[in-house]
Amino acid sequence: MSILCQVDDKFVPLYRVIWAAATPHFCGEEDCTREGSYEIRLEQGESVWASAAERDRMCKQLERWQGGLGSVGEDDENW
């Protein structure tokens, strides 16, 4: 398994991911180009912006990389 996940045109190392947004970005500014995209926060205050499919793929790859969620039903309500 690769430790890289492609988000948009970037290959992101899984070990740099801090969190992924559960809801799409909305700030209400007229000139915002990120509305509807999901933020994936990286270490050192950096972010990449993903579609819902890219965000879901990142989360699944992180789960596989870290060995899964654990036993069935343990935290199912959060996913």
PDB file of N, CA and C in Angstrom:
ATOM      1  N   MET A   1       0.832  -1.186   0.000  1.00  0.00           N
ATOM      2  CA  MET A   1       0.000   0.000   0.000  1.00  0.00           C
ATOM      3  C   MET A   1       0.876   1.249   0.000  1.00  0.00           C
ATOM      4  N   SER A   2       0.473   2.215  -0.777  1.00  0.00           N
ATOM      5  CA  SER A   2       1.208   3.469  -0.861  1.00  0.00           C
ATOM      6  C   SER A   2       0.870   4.363   0.332  1.00  0.00           C
ATOM      7  N   ILE A   3       1.831   5.169   0.747  1.00  0.00           N
ATOM      8  CA  ILE A   3       1.565   6.148   1.805  1.00  0.00           C
ATOM      9  C   ILE A   3       1.132   7.485   1.213  1.00  0.00           C
ATOM     10  N   LEU A   4       0.881   7.509  -0.099  1.00  0.00           N
ATOM     11  CA  LEU A   4       0.435   8.726  -0.777  1.00  0.00           C
ATOM     12  C   LEU A   4      -1.009   8.576  -1.229  1.00  0.00           C
ATOM     13  N   CYS A   5      -1.753   9.668  -1.168  1.00  0.00           N
ATOM     14  CA  CYS A   5      -3.122   9.716  -1.666  1.00  0.00           C
ATOM     15  C   CYS A   5      -3.226  10.932  -2.576  1.00  0.00           C
ATOM     16  N   GLN A   6      -3.819  10.749  -3.740  1.00  0.00           N
ATOM     17  CA  GLN A   6      -3.943  11.872  -4.662  1.00  0.00           C
ATOM     18  C   GLN A   6      -5.192  12.687  -4.332  1.00  0.00           C
ATOM     19  N   VAL A   7      -4.984  13.984  -4.147  1.00  0.00           N
ATOM     20  CA  VAL A   7      -6.063  14.949  -3.930  1.00  0.00           C
ATOM     21  C   VAL A   7      -5.864  16.038  -4.965  1.00  0.00           C
ATOM     22  N   ASP A   8      -6.848  16.172  -5.853  1.00  0.00           N
ATOM     23  CA  ASP A   8      -6.756  17.103  -6.961  1.00  0.00           C
ATOM     24  C   ASP A   8      -5.519  16.731  -7.777  1.00  0.00           C
ATOM     25  N   ASP A   9      -4.542  17.609  -7.897  1.00  0.00           N
ATOM     26  CA  ASP A   9      -3.333  17.286  -8.667  1.00  0.00           C
ATOM     27  C   ASP A   9      -2.122  17.081  -7.764  1.00  0.00           C
ATOM     28  N   LYS A  10      -2.376  16.763  -6.494  1.00  0.00           N
ATOM     29  CA  LYS A  10      -1.285  16.621  -5.522  1.00  0.00           C
ATOM     30  C   LYS A  10      -1.252  15.212  -4.940  1.00  0.00           C
ATOM     31  N   PHE A  11      -0.055  14.707  -4.692  1.00  0.00           N
ATOM     32  CA  PHE A  11       0.116  13.446  -3.981  1.00  0.00           C
ATOM     33  C   PHE A  11       0.467  13.800  -2.536  1.00  0.00           C
ATOM     34  N   VAL A  12      -0.461  13.504  -1.628  1.00  0.00           N
ATOM     35  CA  VAL A  12      -0.332  13.902  -0.227  1.00  0.00           C
ATOM     36  C   VAL A  12       0.128  12.699   0.601  1.00  0.00           C
ATOM     37  N   PRO A  13       1.226  12.825   1.357  1.00  0.00           N
ATOM     38  CA  PRO A  13       1.641  11.742   2.255  1.00  0.00           C
ATOM     39  C   PRO A  13       0.620  11.597   3.387  1.00  0.00           C
ATOM     40  N   LEU A  14       0.137  10.384   3.615  1.00  0.00           N
ATOM     41  CA  LEU A  14      -0.882  10.153   4.641  1.00  0.00           C
ATOM     42  C   LEU A  14      -0.436  10.603   6.025  1.00  0.00           C
ATOM     43  N   TYR A  15       0.860  10.483   6.312  1.00  0.00           N
ATOM     44  CA  TYR A  15       1.347  10.838   7.643  1.00  0.00           C
ATOM     45  C   TYR A  15       1.285  12.338   7.919  1.00  0.00           C
ATOM     46  N   ARG A  16       1.030  13.174   6.905  1.00  0.00           N
ATOM     47  CA  ARG A  16       0.925  14.620   7.104  1.00  0.00           C
ATOM     48  C   ARG A  16      -0.492  15.076   7.413  1.00  0.00           C
ATOM     49  N   VAL A  17      -1.489  14.191   7.243  1.00  0.00           N
ATOM     50  CA  VAL A  17      -2.889  14.575   7.426  1.00  0.00           C
ATOM     51  C   VAL A  17      -3.222  14.672   8.912  1.00  0.00           C
ATOM     52  N   ILE A  18      -3.805  15.806   9.301  1.00  0.00           N
ATOM     53  CA  ILE A  18      -4.233  16.034  10.678  1.00  0.00           C
ATOM     54  C   ILE A  18      -5.722  15.734  10.812  1.00  0.00           C
ATOM     55  N   TRP A  19      -6.543  16.284   9.909  1.00  0.00           N
ATOM     56  CA  TRP A  19      -7.976  16.006   9.910  1.00  0.00           C
ATOM     57  C   TRP A  19      -8.561  16.299   8.542  1.00  0.00           C
ATOM     58  N   ALA A  20      -9.801  15.799   8.336  1.00  0.00           N
ATOM     59  CA  ALA A  20     -10.553  16.057   7.111  1.00  0.00           C
ATOM     60  C   ALA A  20     -11.933  16.564   7.509  1.00  0.00           C
ATOM     61  N   ALA A  21     -12.404  17.597   6.847  1.00  0.00           N
ATOM     62  CA  ALA A  21     -13.692  18.207   7.166  1.00  0.00           C
ATOM     63  C   ALA A  21     -14.850  17.265   6.857  1.00  0.00           C
ATOM     64  N   ALA A  22     -15.837  17.263   7.736  1.00  0.00           N
ATOM     65  CA  ALA A  22     -17.037  16.453   7.544  1.00  0.00           C
ATOM     66  C   ALA A  22     -18.074  17.190   6.693  1.00  0.00           C
ATOM     67  N   THR A  23     -17.977  18.507   6.654  1.00  0.00           N
ATOM     68  CA  THR A  23     -18.920  19.315   5.882  1.00  0.00           C
ATOM     69  C   THR A  23     -18.160  20.174   4.875  1.00  0.00           C
ATOM     70  N   PRO A  24     -18.803  20.497   3.759  1.00  0.00           N
ATOM     71  CA  PRO A  24     -18.128  21.328   2.761  1.00  0.00           C
ATOM     72  C   PRO A  24     -17.940  22.757   3.253  1.00  0.00           C
ATOM     73  N   HIS A  25     -16.934  23.401   2.723  1.00  0.00           N
ATOM     74  CA  HIS A  25     -16.616  24.791   3.076  1.00  0.00           C
ATOM     75  C   HIS A  25     -17.722  25.727   2.609  1.00  0.00           C
ATOM     76  N   PHE A  26     -18.092  26.655   3.474  1.00  0.00           N
ATOM     77  CA  PHE A  26     -19.011  27.732   3.118  1.00  0.00           C
ATOM     78  C   PHE A  26     -18.643  28.949   3.946  1.00  0.00           C
ATOM     79  N   CYS A  27     -18.247  30.021   3.277  1.00  0.00           N
ATOM     80  CA  CYS A  27     -17.903  31.246   4.004  1.00  0.00           C
ATOM     81  C   CYS A  27     -18.805  32.406   3.609  1.00  0.00           C
ATOM     82  N   GLY A  28     -19.514  32.294   2.480  1.00  0.00           N
ATOM     83  CA  GLY A  28     -20.438  33.337   2.057  1.00  0.00           C
ATOM     84  C   GLY A  28     -19.821  34.476   1.278  1.00  0.00           C
ATOM     85  N   GLU A  29     -18.495  34.468   1.113  1.00  0.00           N
ATOM     86  CA  GLU A  29     -17.854  35.542   0.353  1.00  0.00           C
ATOM     87  C   GLU A  29     -18.075  35.326  -1.143  1.00  0.00           C
ATOM     88  N   GLU A  30     -18.357  36.405  -1.852  1.00  0.00           N
ATOM     89  CA  GLU A  30     -18.664  36.318  -3.281  1.00  0.00           C
ATOM     90  C   GLU A  30     -17.536  35.723  -4.117  1.00  0.00           C
ATOM     91  N   ASP A  31     -16.301  36.037  -3.781  1.00  0.00           N
ATOM     92  CA  ASP A  31     -15.168  35.614  -4.599  1.00  0.00           C
ATOM     93  C   ASP A  31     -14.513  34.313  -4.109  1.00  0.00           C
ATOM     94  N   CYS A  32     -15.147  33.604  -3.196  1.00  0.00           N
ATOM     95  CA  CYS A  32     -14.572  32.368  -2.660  1.00  0.00           C
ATOM     96  C   CYS A  32     -14.576  31.271  -3.729  1.00  0.00           C
ATOM     97  N   THR A  33     -13.440  30.653  -3.926  1.00  0.00           N
ATOM     98  CA  THR A  33     -13.329  29.573  -4.911  1.00  0.00           C
ATOM     99  C   THR A  33     -13.341  28.198  -4.253  1.00  0.00           C
ATOM    100  N   ARG A  34     -13.499  28.134  -2.944  1.00  0.00           N
ATOM    101  CA  ARG A  34     -13.456  26.863  -2.206  1.00  0.00           C
ATOM    102  C   ARG A  34     -14.824  26.377  -1.748  1.00  0.00           C
ATOM    103  N   GLU A  35     -15.870  27.141  -1.999  1.00  0.00           N
ATOM    104  CA  GLU A  35     -17.200  26.741  -1.553  1.00  0.00           C
ATOM    105  C   GLU A  35     -17.557  25.383  -2.139  1.00  0.00           C
ATOM    106  N   GLY A  36     -18.047  24.495  -1.289  1.00  0.00           N
ATOM    107  CA  GLY A  36     -18.431  23.157  -1.711  1.00  0.00           C
ATOM    108  C   GLY A  36     -17.303  22.151  -1.653  1.00  0.00           C
ATOM    109  N   SER A  37     -16.078  22.607  -1.440  1.00  0.00           N
ATOM    110  CA  SER A  37     -14.932  21.702  -1.321  1.00  0.00           C
ATOM    111  C   SER A  37     -14.703  21.348   0.140  1.00  0.00           C
ATOM    112  N   TYR A  38     -14.046  20.236   0.372  1.00  0.00           N
ATOM    113  CA  TYR A  38     -13.753  19.769   1.723  1.00  0.00           C
ATOM    114  C   TYR A  38     -12.285  20.031   2.043  1.00  0.00           C
ATOM    115  N   GLU A  39     -12.044  20.623   3.198  1.00  0.00           N
ATOM    116  CA  GLU A  39     -10.671  20.913   3.600  1.00  0.00           C
ATOM    117  C   GLU A  39     -10.040  19.672   4.219  1.00  0.00           C
ATOM    118  N   ILE A  40      -8.841  19.368   3.786  1.00  0.00           N
ATOM    119  CA  ILE A  40      -8.025  18.340   4.424  1.00  0.00           C
ATOM    120  C   ILE A  40      -6.831  19.081   5.008  1.00  0.00           C
ATOM    121  N   ARG A  41      -6.785  19.144   6.334  1.00  0.00           N
ATOM    122  CA  ARG A  41      -5.741  19.912   7.016  1.00  0.00           C
ATOM    123  C   ARG A  41      -4.494  19.049   7.159  1.00  0.00           C
ATOM    124  N   LEU A  42      -3.382  19.656   6.807  1.00  0.00           N
ATOM    125  CA  LEU A  42      -2.083  19.006   6.920  1.00  0.00           C
ATOM    126  C   LEU A  42      -1.302  19.656   8.051  1.00  0.00           C
ATOM    127  N   GLU A  43      -0.243  18.997   8.463  1.00  0.00           N
ATOM    128  CA  GLU A  43       0.598  19.583   9.503  1.00  0.00           C
ATOM    129  C   GLU A  43       1.167  20.912   9.029  1.00  0.00           C
ATOM    130  N   GLN A  44       1.637  21.717   9.954  1.00  0.00           N
ATOM    131  CA  GLN A  44       2.234  23.027   9.713  1.00  0.00           C
ATOM    132  C   GLN A  44       1.254  24.030   9.115  1.00  0.00           C
ATOM    133  N   GLY A  45      -0.041  23.866   9.414  1.00  0.00           N
ATOM    134  CA  GLY A  45      -1.054  24.828   9.001  1.00  0.00           C
ATOM    135  C   GLY A  45      -1.406  24.830   7.532  1.00  0.00           C
ATOM    136  N   GLU A  46      -0.957  23.843   6.783  1.00  0.00           N
ATOM    137  CA  GLU A  46      -1.275  23.768   5.365  1.00  0.00           C
ATOM    138  C   GLU A  46      -2.577  23.008   5.167  1.00  0.00           C
ATOM    139  N   SER A  47      -3.238  23.238   4.030  1.00  0.00           N
ATOM    140  CA  SER A  47      -4.466  22.536   3.686  1.00  0.00           C
ATOM    141  C   SER A  47      -4.464  22.211   2.205  1.00  0.00           C
ATOM    142  N   VAL A  48      -5.191  21.169   1.864  1.00  0.00           N
ATOM    143  CA  VAL A  48      -5.531  20.886   0.475  1.00  0.00           C
ATOM    144  C   VAL A  48      -7.050  20.811   0.437  1.00  0.00           C
ATOM    145  N   TRP A  49      -7.614  21.077  -0.723  1.00  0.00           N
ATOM    146  CA  TRP A  49      -9.061  21.105  -0.882  1.00  0.00           C
ATOM    147  C   TRP A  49      -9.472  19.952  -1.781  1.00  0.00           C
ATOM    148  N   ALA A  50     -10.497  19.226  -1.350  1.00  0.00           N
ATOM    149  CA  ALA A  50     -10.883  17.991  -2.033  1.00  0.00           C
ATOM    150  C   ALA A  50     -12.367  17.967  -2.356  1.00  0.00           C
ATOM    151  N   SER A  51     -12.704  17.157  -3.356  1.00  0.00           N
ATOM    152  CA  SER A  51     -14.117  16.865  -3.610  1.00  0.00           C
ATOM    153  C   SER A  51     -14.569  15.857  -2.543  1.00  0.00           C
ATOM    154  N   ALA A  52     -15.848  15.581  -2.483  1.00  0.00           N
ATOM    155  CA  ALA A  52     -16.356  14.608  -1.515  1.00  0.00           C
ATOM    156  C   ALA A  52     -15.737  13.228  -1.758  1.00  0.00           C
ATOM    157  N   ALA A  53     -15.606  12.839  -3.011  1.00  0.00           N
ATOM    158  CA  ALA A  53     -15.022  11.538  -3.338  1.00  0.00           C
ATOM    159  C   ALA A  53     -13.551  11.469  -2.925  1.00  0.00           C
ATOM    160  N   GLU A  54     -12.804  12.546  -3.157  1.00  0.00           N
ATOM    161  CA  GLU A  54     -11.389  12.575  -2.763  1.00  0.00           C
ATOM    162  C   GLU A  54     -11.245  12.534  -1.242  1.00  0.00           C
ATOM    163  N   ARG A  55     -12.095  13.273  -0.538  1.00  0.00           N
ATOM    164  CA  ARG A  55     -12.061  13.269   0.924  1.00  0.00           C
ATOM    165  C   ARG A  55     -12.371  11.871   1.464  1.00  0.00           C
ATOM    166  N   ASP A  56     -13.390  11.204   0.890  1.00  0.00           N
ATOM    167  CA  ASP A  56     -13.755   9.853   1.329  1.00  0.00           C
ATOM    168  C   ASP A  56     -12.628   8.867   1.060  1.00  0.00           C
ATOM    169  N   ARG A  57     -11.977   9.002  -0.100  1.00  0.00           N
ATOM    170  CA  ARG A  57     -10.857   8.122  -0.434  1.00  0.00           C
ATOM    171  C   ARG A  57      -9.696   8.345   0.536  1.00  0.00           C
ATOM    172  N   MET A  58      -9.437   9.590   0.893  1.00  0.00           N
ATOM    173  CA  MET A  58      -8.381   9.900   1.853  1.00  0.00           C
ATOM    174  C   MET A  58      -8.682   9.248   3.195  1.00  0.00           C
ATOM    175  N   CYS A  59      -9.916   9.368   3.665  1.00  0.00           N
ATOM    176  CA  CYS A  59     -10.293   8.771   4.953  1.00  0.00           C
ATOM    177  C   CYS A  59     -10.149   7.254   4.927  1.00  0.00           C
ATOM    178  N   LYS A  60     -10.565   6.623   3.838  1.00  0.00           N
ATOM    179  CA  LYS A  60     -10.439   5.162   3.727  1.00  0.00           C
ATOM    180  C   LYS A  60      -8.977   4.734   3.698  1.00  0.00           C
ATOM    181  N   GLN A  61      -8.150   5.478   2.977  1.00  0.00           N
ATOM    182  CA  GLN A  61      -6.732   5.142   2.934  1.00  0.00           C
ATOM    183  C   GLN A  61      -6.075   5.333   4.294  1.00  0.00           C
ATOM    184  N   LEU A  62      -6.474   6.366   5.029  1.00  0.00           N
ATOM    185  CA  LEU A  62      -5.942   6.566   6.375  1.00  0.00           C
ATOM    186  C   LEU A  62      -6.333   5.405   7.295  1.00  0.00           C
ATOM    187  N   GLU A  63      -7.575   4.949   7.190  1.00  0.00           N
ATOM    188  CA  GLU A  63      -8.028   3.816   8.003  1.00  0.00           C
ATOM    189  C   GLU A  63      -7.221   2.557   7.686  1.00  0.00           C
ATOM    190  N   ARG A  64      -7.020   2.279   6.405  1.00  0.00           N
ATOM    191  CA  ARG A  64      -6.236   1.094   6.020  1.00  0.00           C
ATOM    192  C   ARG A  64      -4.798   1.222   6.484  1.00  0.00           C
ATOM    193  N   TRP A  65      -4.221   2.408   6.329  1.00  0.00           N
ATOM    194  CA  TRP A  65      -2.834   2.645   6.715  1.00  0.00           C
ATOM    195  C   TRP A  65      -2.644   2.451   8.212  1.00  0.00           C
ATOM    196  N   GLN A  66      -3.618   2.861   9.006  1.00  0.00           N
ATOM    197  CA  GLN A  66      -3.516   2.753  10.462  1.00  0.00           C
ATOM    198  C   GLN A  66      -4.065   1.440  11.005  1.00  0.00           C
ATOM    199  N   GLY A  67      -4.531   0.557  10.151  1.00  0.00           N
ATOM    200  CA  GLY A  67      -4.979  -0.763  10.604  1.00  0.00           C
ATOM    201  C   GLY A  67      -6.463  -0.899  10.837  1.00  0.00           C
ATOM    202  N   GLY A  68      -7.273   0.011  10.381  1.00  0.00           N
ATOM    203  CA  GLY A  68      -8.721  -0.134  10.468  1.00  0.00           C
ATOM    204  C   GLY A  68      -9.323   0.494  11.705  1.00  0.00           C
ATOM    205  N   LEU A  69     -10.638   0.385  11.780  1.00  0.00           N
ATOM    206  CA  LEU A  69     -11.394   1.001  12.855  1.00  0.00           C
ATOM    207  C   LEU A  69     -11.454   0.160  14.121  1.00  0.00           C
ATOM    208  N   GLY A  70     -11.134  -1.102  14.053  1.00  0.00           N
ATOM    209  CA  GLY A  70     -11.293  -1.965  15.216  1.00  0.00           C
ATOM    210  C   GLY A  70     -12.436  -2.924  14.992  1.00  0.00           C
ATOM    211  N   SER A  71     -13.040  -3.406  16.055  1.00  0.00           N
ATOM    212  CA  SER A  71     -14.107  -4.394  15.922  1.00  0.00           C
ATOM    213  C   SER A  71     -15.369  -3.757  15.345  1.00  0.00           C
ATOM    214  N   VAL A  72     -16.178  -4.569  14.686  1.00  0.00           N
ATOM    215  CA  VAL A  72     -17.404  -4.106  14.053  1.00  0.00           C
ATOM    216  C   VAL A  72     -18.346  -3.541  15.105  1.00  0.00           C
ATOM    217  N   GLY A  73     -18.924  -2.369  14.821  1.00  0.00           N
ATOM    218  CA  GLY A  73     -19.881  -1.745  15.723  1.00  0.00           C
ATOM    219  C   GLY A  73     -19.257  -0.840  16.766  1.00  0.00           C
ATOM    220  N   GLU A  74     -17.953  -0.848  16.895  1.00  0.00           N
ATOM    221  CA  GLU A  74     -17.278  -0.065  17.935  1.00  0.00           C
ATOM    222  C   GLU A  74     -17.543   1.424  17.794  1.00  0.00           C
ATOM    223  N   ASP A  75     -17.334   1.984  16.609  1.00  0.00           N
ATOM    224  CA  ASP A  75     -17.551   3.416  16.370  1.00  0.00           C
ATOM    225  C   ASP A  75     -18.367   3.646  15.106  1.00  0.00           C
ATOM    226  N   ASP A  76     -19.248   2.725  14.760  1.00  0.00           N
ATOM    227  CA  ASP A  76     -19.991   2.817  13.526  1.00  0.00           C
ATOM    228  C   ASP A  76     -20.846   4.077  13.413  1.00  0.00           C
ATOM    229  N   GLU A  77     -21.329   4.610  14.533  1.00  0.00           N
ATOM    230  CA  GLU A  77     -22.195   5.788  14.454  1.00  0.00           C
ATOM    231  C   GLU A  77     -21.447   7.009  13.970  1.00  0.00           C
ATOM    232  N   ASN A  78     -20.134   7.028  14.027  1.00  0.00           N
ATOM    233  CA  ASN A  78     -19.355   8.167  13.550  1.00  0.00           C
ATOM    234  C   ASN A  78     -19.004   8.069  12.078  1.00  0.00           C
ATOM    235  N   TRP A  79     -19.236   6.965  11.433  1.00  0.00           N
ATOM    236  CA  TRP A  79     -18.891   6.790  10.024  1.00  0.00           C
ATOM    237  C   TRP A  79     -20.120   6.406   9.299  1.00  0.00           C
TER     238      TRP A  79
END
